[in-house]
Protein backbone atom coordinates (compact mmCIF):
# COMPACT_ATOMS: atom_id res chain seq x y z
CA MET A 1 7.61 -16.11 -2.46
CA ALA A 2 9.82 -14.96 -5.31
CA LEU A 3 10.25 -11.39 -6.48
CA LEU A 4 8.47 -10.54 -9.70
CA SER A 5 10.51 -9.57 -12.73
CA GLU A 6 10.27 -6.03 -14.12
CA GLU A 7 8.17 -7.37 -16.97
CA GLN A 8 5.77 -9.15 -14.60
CA VAL A 9 5.37 -6.01 -12.46
CA HIS A 10 4.67 -3.95 -15.58
CA GLU A 11 2.05 -6.46 -16.79
CA MET A 12 0.32 -6.55 -13.41
CA LEU A 13 0.27 -2.76 -13.13
CA GLN A 14 -1.43 -2.63 -16.54
CA LYS A 15 -4.32 -4.51 -14.90
CA ALA A 16 -4.32 -2.11 -11.92
CA PRO A 17 -3.87 1.36 -13.50
CA GLN A 18 -4.81 3.28 -10.36
CA TRP A 19 -1.75 1.93 -8.56
CA THR A 20 1.63 3.56 -9.08
CA ARG A 21 5.07 2.17 -8.55
CA THR A 22 7.81 3.92 -6.65
CA GLY A 23 10.90 1.75 -6.39
CA LYS A 24 10.03 -1.47 -4.62
CA GLU A 25 6.51 -0.38 -3.61
CA ILE A 26 3.12 0.22 -5.17
CA THR A 27 0.73 2.86 -3.88
CA ARG A 28 -2.84 3.97 -4.38
CA SER A 29 -4.84 6.84 -2.88
CA PHE A 30 -8.54 6.57 -2.11
CA GLN A 31 -10.85 9.53 -1.51
CA PHE A 32 -14.08 9.19 0.50
CA LYS A 33 -17.01 11.44 1.34
CA ASN A 34 -16.13 11.63 5.01
CA PHE A 35 -13.94 10.21 7.77
CA ARG A 36 -16.46 7.51 8.64
CA GLU A 37 -16.30 6.03 5.13
CA ALA A 38 -12.51 6.26 5.10
CA LEU A 39 -12.28 4.50 8.44
CA ALA A 40 -14.72 1.76 7.38
CA PHE A 41 -12.55 1.14 4.31
CA VAL A 42 -9.43 0.90 6.48
CA VAL A 43 -11.16 -1.66 8.71
CA HIS A 44 -12.04 -3.76 5.62
CA VAL A 45 -8.46 -3.55 4.38
CA GLY A 46 -7.18 -4.51 7.82
CA LEU A 47 -9.38 -7.60 7.94
CA LEU A 48 -8.27 -8.54 4.43
CA ALA A 49 -4.62 -8.07 5.42
CA GLU A 50 -5.05 -10.37 8.40
CA ARG A 51 -6.74 -13.02 6.25
CA LEU A 52 -3.98 -12.90 3.62
CA ASN A 53 -1.21 -12.37 6.20
CA HIS A 54 0.10 -9.46 4.13
CA HIS A 55 -0.04 -6.05 5.74
CA PRO A 56 0.10 -2.76 3.82
CA HIS A 57 1.29 0.57 5.09
CA ILE A 58 -1.92 2.54 5.73
CA ALA A 59 -2.06 6.32 6.01
CA ILE A 60 -5.39 7.95 6.78
CA ASP A 61 -5.93 11.70 6.62
CA TYR A 62 -9.56 12.62 7.23
CA LYS A 63 -11.23 11.58 3.93
CA LYS A 64 -8.12 10.28 2.19
CA VAL A 65 -6.51 6.85 2.59
CA VAL A 66 -3.17 5.94 1.05
CA LEU A 67 -2.13 2.29 0.85
CA THR A 68 1.41 1.17 0.09
CA LEU A 69 2.34 -2.43 -0.61
CA THR A 70 5.61 -4.33 -0.80
CA THR A 71 6.81 -7.72 0.40
CA HIS A 72 9.37 -6.74 3.01
CA SER A 73 10.66 -10.29 3.50
CA GLU A 74 11.57 -10.46 -0.21
CA GLY A 75 12.73 -6.87 -0.60
CA GLY A 76 10.29 -5.92 -3.34
CA LEU A 77 7.11 -6.82 -5.18
CA THR A 78 5.69 -10.34 -5.29
CA GLU A 79 2.47 -12.01 -6.35
CA LYS A 80 1.27 -11.47 -2.78
CA ASP A 81 1.22 -7.70 -3.34
CA PHE A 82 -0.86 -7.99 -6.47
CA GLU A 83 -3.28 -10.42 -4.82
CA MET A 84 -3.83 -7.69 -2.22
CA VAL A 85 -4.30 -5.15 -5.02
CA ARG A 86 -7.01 -7.28 -6.64
CA GLN A 87 -8.87 -7.75 -3.39
CA ILE A 88 -8.49 -4.13 -2.24
CA ASP A 89 -9.76 -2.88 -5.61
CA ALA A 90 -12.74 -5.22 -5.28
CA ILE A 91 -13.81 -3.63 -1.99
CA ALA A 92 -12.98 -0.01 -2.93
């Protein structure tokens, strides 16, 4: 999978305004009512990651979940990252 150009990344982030870019990664924080909801979300993301064979960095801190995406094998952002974004946003 090829790296996206700067222009392509910018266009895709316009469609996902809650995600922010830091270098070669994109990140989004999610806030839940309680730990149970946060954990249920993480389980859904984990199942999605397995299905797409693309695994985000997941940090969970009580009611807050932070997801970070990049395509390590390509050294940056690819279409695979933004497919994950679309599907994660759909379940959030």
